[in-house]
Amino acid sequence: MSAYNDAGTGVKGLIESNRMSKILLPLDIIIMFAALALLLINAFSSIGSLLYAIAFWGFLAGLVLTFANLKSQMLYVGLYGYAIVNVIYFFRSLFSKWIGFSWFSLIAIVIFGGLGYLVMKQE
């Protein structure tokens, strides 16, 4: 537990040293869940590659900001949410006529689901 808190405090110190990222620090959950909502929408209908890229990187930035604020409950909800989005992608590609098996989605499910479990275990 102490290594998790020390790492989060160190990341928060790095984020607070930059003026632009310091402004984004209180918006951590909003950024993470707004980007996750866009990724979920993209799982059912395409929102375009530019908006998908913005949502993906915004989600990762939201995860880092949430980790820096040590909001572990929201962090594992976000990690599990992204794993669920990839479960949708996986089944969609598995039953698609043209795409087939998606290794990317399967690996993302394992990584983000595992990280969500580890964060949940820390709480």
N, C-alpha and C. Protein backbone atom coordinates (compact mmCIF):
# COMPACT_ATOMS: atom_id res chain seq x y z
N MET A 1 0.83 -1.19 0.00
CA MET A 1 0.00 0.00 0.00
C MET A 1 0.87 1.24 0.00
N SER A 2 1.96 1.22 0.70
CA SER A 2 2.79 2.41 0.80
C SER A 2 3.49 2.71 -0.52
N ALA A 3 3.90 1.69 -1.26
CA ALA A 3 4.54 1.93 -2.57
C ALA A 3 3.54 2.55 -3.54
N TYR A 4 2.29 2.10 -3.49
CA TYR A 4 1.23 2.66 -4.33
C TYR A 4 1.02 4.14 -4.01
N ASN A 5 0.93 4.47 -2.72
CA ASN A 5 0.74 5.87 -2.31
C ASN A 5 1.96 6.72 -2.64
N ASP A 6 3.16 6.17 -2.44
CA ASP A 6 4.38 6.91 -2.77
C ASP A 6 4.47 7.20 -4.26
N ALA A 7 4.12 6.22 -5.09
CA ALA A 7 4.16 6.43 -6.53
C ALA A 7 3.13 7.47 -6.95
N GLY A 8 1.92 7.41 -6.38
CA GLY A 8 0.89 8.41 -6.70
C GLY A 8 1.30 9.80 -6.26
N THR A 9 1.92 9.92 -5.11
CA THR A 9 2.39 11.22 -4.62
C THR A 9 3.51 11.75 -5.51
N GLY A 10 4.40 10.88 -5.96
CA GLY A 10 5.46 11.31 -6.87
C GLY A 10 4.93 11.78 -8.20
N VAL A 11 3.95 11.08 -8.74
CA VAL A 11 3.34 11.50 -10.01
C VAL A 11 2.61 12.82 -9.82
N LYS A 12 1.95 13.00 -8.69
CA LYS A 12 1.25 14.26 -8.43
C LYS A 12 2.24 15.42 -8.34
N GLY A 13 3.40 15.17 -7.73
CA GLY A 13 4.43 16.21 -7.67
C GLY A 13 4.93 16.60 -9.05
N LEU A 14 5.09 15.62 -9.94
CA LEU A 14 5.51 15.92 -11.31
C LEU A 14 4.44 16.69 -12.07
N ILE A 15 3.19 16.32 -11.87
CA ILE A 15 2.10 17.00 -12.57
C ILE A 15 1.93 18.43 -12.06
N GLU A 16 2.09 18.62 -10.77
CA GLU A 16 1.94 19.96 -10.20
C GLU A 16 3.08 20.89 -10.57
N SER A 17 4.20 20.36 -11.04
CA SER A 17 5.32 21.21 -11.42
C SER A 17 5.08 21.91 -12.76
N ASN A 18 4.14 21.40 -13.56
CA ASN A 18 3.80 22.01 -14.83
C ASN A 18 2.49 22.79 -14.67
N ARG A 19 2.48 24.02 -15.15
CA ARG A 19 1.31 24.88 -14.96
C ARG A 19 0.08 24.37 -15.70
N MET A 20 0.27 23.85 -16.92
CA MET A 20 -0.86 23.39 -17.73
C MET A 20 -1.48 22.12 -17.13
N SER A 21 -0.65 21.17 -16.74
CA SER A 21 -1.19 19.94 -16.18
C SER A 21 -1.75 20.16 -14.77
N LYS A 22 -1.27 21.18 -14.08
CA LYS A 22 -1.80 21.50 -12.76
C LYS A 22 -3.25 21.95 -12.86
N ILE A 23 -3.59 22.62 -13.97
CA ILE A 23 -4.98 23.05 -14.20
C ILE A 23 -5.88 21.83 -14.42
N LEU A 24 -5.35 20.80 -15.08
CA LEU A 24 -6.14 19.61 -15.39
C LEU A 24 -6.32 18.66 -14.21
N LEU A 25 -5.53 18.82 -13.17
CA LEU A 25 -5.56 17.88 -12.05
C LEU A 25 -6.93 17.75 -11.38
N PRO A 26 -7.68 18.81 -11.16
CA PRO A 26 -9.01 18.62 -10.55
C PRO A 26 -10.05 18.01 -11.51
N LEU A 27 -9.75 17.99 -12.80
CA LEU A 27 -10.69 17.46 -13.78
C LEU A 27 -10.42 16.00 -14.12
N ASP A 28 -9.73 15.28 -13.25
CA ASP A 28 -9.29 13.93 -13.56
C ASP A 28 -10.42 12.97 -13.89
N ILE A 29 -11.43 12.91 -13.07
CA ILE A 29 -12.52 11.96 -13.28
C ILE A 29 -13.37 12.35 -14.48
N ILE A 30 -13.56 13.64 -14.66
CA ILE A 30 -14.35 14.11 -15.81
C ILE A 30 -13.67 13.74 -17.11
N ILE A 31 -12.36 13.96 -17.20
CA ILE A 31 -11.61 13.62 -18.41
C ILE A 31 -11.66 12.12 -18.66
N MET A 32 -11.43 11.34 -17.61
CA MET A 32 -11.39 9.88 -17.76
C MET A 32 -12.73 9.33 -18.21
N PHE A 33 -13.82 9.73 -17.56
CA PHE A 33 -15.12 9.15 -17.90
C PHE A 33 -15.70 9.71 -19.19
N ALA A 34 -15.39 10.97 -19.54
CA ALA A 34 -15.84 11.49 -20.83
C ALA A 34 -15.15 10.75 -21.97
N ALA A 35 -13.87 10.51 -21.82
CA ALA A 35 -13.14 9.76 -22.85
C ALA A 35 -13.61 8.31 -22.89
N LEU A 36 -13.89 7.72 -21.74
CA LEU A 36 -14.40 6.35 -21.71
C LEU A 36 -15.78 6.26 -22.36
N ALA A 37 -16.60 7.27 -22.18
CA ALA A 37 -17.91 7.29 -22.84
C ALA A 37 -17.75 7.36 -24.36
N LEU A 38 -16.81 8.16 -24.84
CA LEU A 38 -16.55 8.21 -26.28
C LEU A 38 -16.04 6.87 -26.81
N LEU A 39 -15.19 6.21 -26.03
CA LEU A 39 -14.70 4.90 -26.44
C LEU A 39 -15.82 3.87 -26.46
N LEU A 40 -16.75 3.97 -25.52
CA LEU A 40 -17.89 3.07 -25.50
C LEU A 40 -18.81 3.32 -26.70
N ILE A 41 -19.02 4.58 -27.03
CA ILE A 41 -19.82 4.91 -28.21
C ILE A 41 -19.15 4.37 -29.46
N ASN A 42 -17.84 4.48 -29.52
CA ASN A 42 -17.11 3.98 -30.68
C ASN A 42 -17.18 2.46 -30.79
N ALA A 43 -17.42 1.78 -29.70
CA ALA A 43 -17.53 0.32 -29.75
C ALA A 43 -18.78 -0.12 -30.50
N PHE A 44 -19.79 0.73 -30.52
CA PHE A 44 -21.04 0.38 -31.20
C PHE A 44 -21.18 1.04 -32.57
N SER A 45 -20.65 2.25 -32.71
CA SER A 45 -20.68 2.93 -34.02
C SER A 45 -19.42 3.78 -34.12
N SER A 46 -18.89 3.89 -35.29
CA SER A 46 -17.62 4.58 -35.48
C SER A 46 -17.77 6.09 -35.29
N ILE A 47 -16.89 6.68 -34.50
CA ILE A 47 -16.91 8.12 -34.28
C ILE A 47 -15.82 8.81 -35.08
N GLY A 48 -15.03 8.05 -35.81
CA GLY A 48 -13.95 8.62 -36.60
C GLY A 48 -12.62 8.39 -35.92
N SER A 49 -11.59 8.29 -36.72
CA SER A 49 -10.28 7.94 -36.16
C SER A 49 -9.66 9.07 -35.34
N LEU A 50 -9.89 10.32 -35.73
CA LEU A 50 -9.33 11.44 -34.96
C LEU A 50 -9.98 11.54 -33.59
N LEU A 51 -11.30 11.45 -33.55
CA LEU A 51 -11.99 11.53 -32.26
C LEU A 51 -11.67 10.31 -31.39
N TYR A 52 -11.49 9.14 -32.02
CA TYR A 52 -11.10 7.95 -31.27
C TYR A 52 -9.71 8.14 -30.66
N ALA A 53 -8.78 8.69 -31.43
CA ALA A 53 -7.42 8.90 -30.91
C ALA A 53 -7.44 9.90 -29.76
N ILE A 54 -8.22 10.96 -29.89
CA ILE A 54 -8.33 11.94 -28.80
C ILE A 54 -8.94 11.29 -27.56
N ALA A 55 -9.97 10.46 -27.77
CA ALA A 55 -10.61 9.78 -26.63
C ALA A 55 -9.65 8.80 -25.96
N PHE A 56 -8.89 8.05 -26.75
CA PHE A 56 -7.96 7.08 -26.18
C PHE A 56 -6.88 7.77 -25.35
N TRP A 57 -6.25 8.78 -25.92
CA TRP A 57 -5.18 9.47 -25.19
C TRP A 57 -5.74 10.30 -24.04
N GLY A 58 -6.94 10.81 -24.19
CA GLY A 58 -7.59 11.50 -23.08
C GLY A 58 -7.90 10.55 -21.94
N PHE A 59 -8.31 9.32 -22.30
CA PHE A 59 -8.56 8.33 -21.27
C PHE A 59 -7.29 7.99 -20.51
N LEU A 60 -6.19 7.79 -21.23
CA LEU A 60 -4.93 7.49 -20.55
C LEU A 60 -4.46 8.66 -19.68
N ALA A 61 -4.64 9.89 -20.17
CA ALA A 61 -4.30 11.05 -19.35
C ALA A 61 -5.19 11.12 -18.11
N GLY A 62 -6.47 10.80 -18.27
CA GLY A 62 -7.38 10.78 -17.13
C GLY A 62 -7.00 9.72 -16.11
N LEU A 63 -6.51 8.57 -16.60
CA LEU A 63 -6.04 7.53 -15.68
C LEU A 63 -4.85 8.03 -14.86
N VAL A 64 -3.91 8.69 -15.52
CA VAL A 64 -2.72 9.19 -14.82
C VAL A 64 -3.12 10.27 -13.80
N LEU A 65 -4.03 11.16 -14.19
CA LEU A 65 -4.47 12.21 -13.27
C LEU A 65 -5.23 11.61 -12.08
N THR A 66 -6.04 10.61 -12.34
CA THR A 66 -6.77 9.96 -11.25
C THR A 66 -5.82 9.22 -10.32
N PHE A 67 -4.80 8.58 -10.88
CA PHE A 67 -3.79 7.92 -10.06
C PHE A 67 -3.02 8.94 -9.22
N ALA A 68 -2.73 10.09 -9.81
CA ALA A 68 -1.99 11.12 -9.08
C ALA A 68 -2.80 11.66 -7.91
N ASN A 69 -4.11 11.73 -8.05
CA ASN A 69 -4.96 12.20 -6.95
C ASN A 69 -5.31 11.10 -5.96
N LEU A 70 -4.79 9.89 -6.20
CA LEU A 70 -5.00 8.72 -5.33
C LEU A 70 -6.47 8.40 -5.12
N LYS A 71 -7.24 8.53 -6.19
CA LYS A 71 -8.65 8.14 -6.16
C LYS A 71 -8.74 6.72 -6.70
N SER A 72 -8.40 5.77 -5.84
CA SER A 72 -8.24 4.40 -6.31
C SER A 72 -9.56 3.76 -6.72
N GLN A 73 -10.66 4.12 -6.08
CA GLN A 73 -11.94 3.53 -6.46
C GLN A 73 -12.33 3.96 -7.88
N MET A 74 -12.18 5.21 -8.19
CA MET A 74 -12.49 5.68 -9.55
C MET A 74 -11.48 5.13 -10.56
N LEU A 75 -10.26 4.92 -10.12
CA LEU A 75 -9.23 4.38 -11.01
C LEU A 75 -9.57 2.96 -11.44
N TYR A 76 -9.95 2.10 -10.50
CA TYR A 76 -10.26 0.74 -10.93
C TYR A 76 -11.59 0.66 -11.67
N VAL A 77 -12.52 1.57 -11.41
CA VAL A 77 -13.75 1.61 -12.20
C VAL A 77 -13.42 1.98 -13.65
N GLY A 78 -12.51 2.94 -13.83
CA GLY A 78 -12.10 3.31 -15.18
C GLY A 78 -11.35 2.20 -15.89
N LEU A 79 -10.47 1.52 -15.16
CA LEU A 79 -9.74 0.40 -15.76
C LEU A 79 -10.66 -0.74 -16.15
N TYR A 80 -11.61 -1.07 -15.28
CA TYR A 80 -12.59 -2.11 -15.61
C TYR A 80 -13.49 -1.66 -16.76
N GLY A 81 -13.81 -0.37 -16.79
CA GLY A 81 -14.63 0.15 -17.89
C GLY A 81 -13.95 -0.01 -19.23
N TYR A 82 -12.65 0.26 -19.27
CA TYR A 82 -11.92 0.08 -20.53
C TYR A 82 -11.81 -1.40 -20.90
N ALA A 83 -11.69 -2.25 -19.89
CA ALA A 83 -11.67 -3.69 -20.17
C ALA A 83 -13.01 -4.14 -20.75
N ILE A 84 -14.12 -3.58 -20.26
CA ILE A 84 -15.44 -3.92 -20.78
C ILE A 84 -15.60 -3.43 -22.21
N VAL A 85 -15.09 -2.23 -22.50
CA VAL A 85 -15.12 -1.73 -23.88
C VAL A 85 -14.37 -2.69 -24.80
N ASN A 86 -13.26 -3.22 -24.34
CA ASN A 86 -12.50 -4.17 -25.16
C ASN A 86 -13.17 -5.54 -25.24
N VAL A 87 -13.96 -5.91 -24.24
CA VAL A 87 -14.77 -7.13 -24.36
C VAL A 87 -15.78 -6.96 -25.49
N ILE A 88 -16.38 -5.79 -25.58
CA ILE A 88 -17.32 -5.51 -26.68
C ILE A 88 -16.60 -5.60 -28.02
N TYR A 89 -15.41 -4.95 -28.11
CA TYR A 89 -14.63 -5.03 -29.35
C TYR A 89 -14.27 -6.48 -29.69
N PHE A 90 -13.91 -7.25 -28.69
CA PHE A 90 -13.50 -8.63 -28.90
C PHE A 90 -14.64 -9.46 -29.48
N PHE A 91 -15.80 -9.39 -28.84
CA PHE A 91 -16.92 -10.18 -29.33
C PHE A 91 -17.43 -9.67 -30.68
N ARG A 92 -17.35 -8.37 -30.87
CA ARG A 92 -17.75 -7.82 -32.16
C ARG A 92 -16.84 -8.31 -33.28
N SER A 93 -15.55 -8.35 -33.01
CA SER A 93 -14.62 -8.82 -34.04
C SER A 93 -14.66 -10.34 -34.19
N LEU A 94 -14.95 -11.04 -33.09
CA LEU A 94 -15.00 -12.49 -33.14
C LEU A 94 -16.15 -12.99 -34.01
N PHE A 95 -17.28 -12.31 -33.91
CA PHE A 95 -18.44 -12.73 -34.67
C PHE A 95 -18.62 -11.96 -35.97
N SER A 96 -17.63 -11.16 -36.32
CA SER A 96 -17.68 -10.43 -37.58
C SER A 96 -17.25 -11.33 -38.72
N LYS A 97 -17.78 -11.07 -39.85
CA LYS A 97 -17.49 -11.90 -41.03
C LYS A 97 -16.10 -11.59 -41.59
N TRP A 98 -15.62 -10.35 -41.42
CA TRP A 98 -14.38 -9.94 -42.08
C TRP A 98 -13.20 -9.78 -41.14
N ILE A 99 -13.42 -9.48 -39.89
CA ILE A 99 -12.31 -9.14 -39.01
C ILE A 99 -11.66 -10.38 -38.41
N GLY A 100 -12.43 -11.20 -37.74
CA GLY A 100 -11.88 -12.40 -37.11
C GLY A 100 -11.43 -12.15 -35.69
N PHE A 101 -10.46 -12.92 -35.23
CA PHE A 101 -9.97 -12.89 -33.85
C PHE A 101 -9.14 -11.63 -33.60
N SER A 102 -9.39 -10.94 -32.50
CA SER A 102 -8.68 -9.70 -32.19
C SER A 102 -7.75 -9.92 -30.99
N TRP A 103 -6.47 -10.04 -31.29
CA TRP A 103 -5.47 -10.19 -30.22
C TRP A 103 -5.34 -8.92 -29.40
N PHE A 104 -5.45 -7.77 -30.06
CA PHE A 104 -5.33 -6.49 -29.35
C PHE A 104 -6.37 -6.38 -28.24
N SER A 105 -7.61 -6.69 -28.56
CA SER A 105 -8.67 -6.60 -27.56
C SER A 105 -8.47 -7.61 -26.44
N LEU A 106 -8.05 -8.80 -26.77
CA LEU A 106 -7.83 -9.82 -25.75
C LEU A 106 -6.70 -9.42 -24.79
N ILE A 107 -5.62 -8.90 -25.34
CA ILE A 107 -4.51 -8.47 -24.49
C ILE A 107 -4.90 -7.25 -23.66
N ALA A 108 -5.67 -6.33 -24.24
CA ALA A 108 -6.13 -5.16 -23.48
C ALA A 108 -7.07 -5.57 -22.35
N ILE A 109 -7.90 -6.58 -22.58
CA ILE A 109 -8.78 -7.08 -21.52
C ILE A 109 -7.94 -7.61 -20.36
N VAL A 110 -6.92 -8.38 -20.68
CA VAL A 110 -6.08 -8.97 -19.63
C VAL A 110 -5.30 -7.89 -18.89
N ILE A 111 -4.70 -6.96 -19.62
CA ILE A 111 -3.87 -5.93 -18.98
C ILE A 111 -4.71 -4.98 -18.13
N PHE A 112 -5.75 -4.39 -18.72
CA PHE A 112 -6.52 -3.40 -17.98
C PHE A 112 -7.40 -4.04 -16.91
N GLY A 113 -7.91 -5.24 -17.16
CA GLY A 113 -8.64 -5.95 -16.12
C GLY A 113 -7.73 -6.34 -14.98
N GLY A 114 -6.51 -6.78 -15.30
CA GLY A 114 -5.54 -7.12 -14.26
C GLY A 114 -5.11 -5.90 -13.45
N LEU A 115 -4.88 -4.79 -14.14
CA LEU A 115 -4.53 -3.57 -13.40
C LEU A 115 -5.68 -3.10 -12.53
N GLY A 116 -6.90 -3.22 -13.03
CA GLY A 116 -8.07 -2.88 -12.22
C GLY A 116 -8.17 -3.74 -10.97
N TYR A 117 -7.88 -5.03 -11.14
CA TYR A 117 -7.90 -5.93 -9.99
C TYR A 117 -6.81 -5.56 -8.97
N LEU A 118 -5.62 -5.23 -9.46
CA LEU A 118 -4.54 -4.86 -8.55
C LEU A 118 -4.84 -3.58 -7.79
N VAL A 119 -5.45 -2.60 -8.47
CA VAL A 119 -5.80 -1.36 -7.80
C VAL A 119 -6.92 -1.60 -6.78
N MET A 120 -7.88 -2.43 -7.17
CA MET A 120 -8.98 -2.75 -6.25
C MET A 120 -8.45 -3.48 -5.03
N LYS A 121 -7.45 -4.31 -5.22
CA LYS A 121 -6.85 -5.06 -4.12
C LYS A 121 -6.09 -4.12 -3.17
N GLN A 122 -5.55 -3.01 -3.69
CA GLN A 122 -4.81 -2.05 -2.88
C GLN A 122 -5.72 -1.29 -1.91
N GLU A 123 -6.99 -1.17 -2.28
CA GLU A 123 -7.91 -0.37 -1.47
C GLU A 123 -8.26 -1.01 -0.18
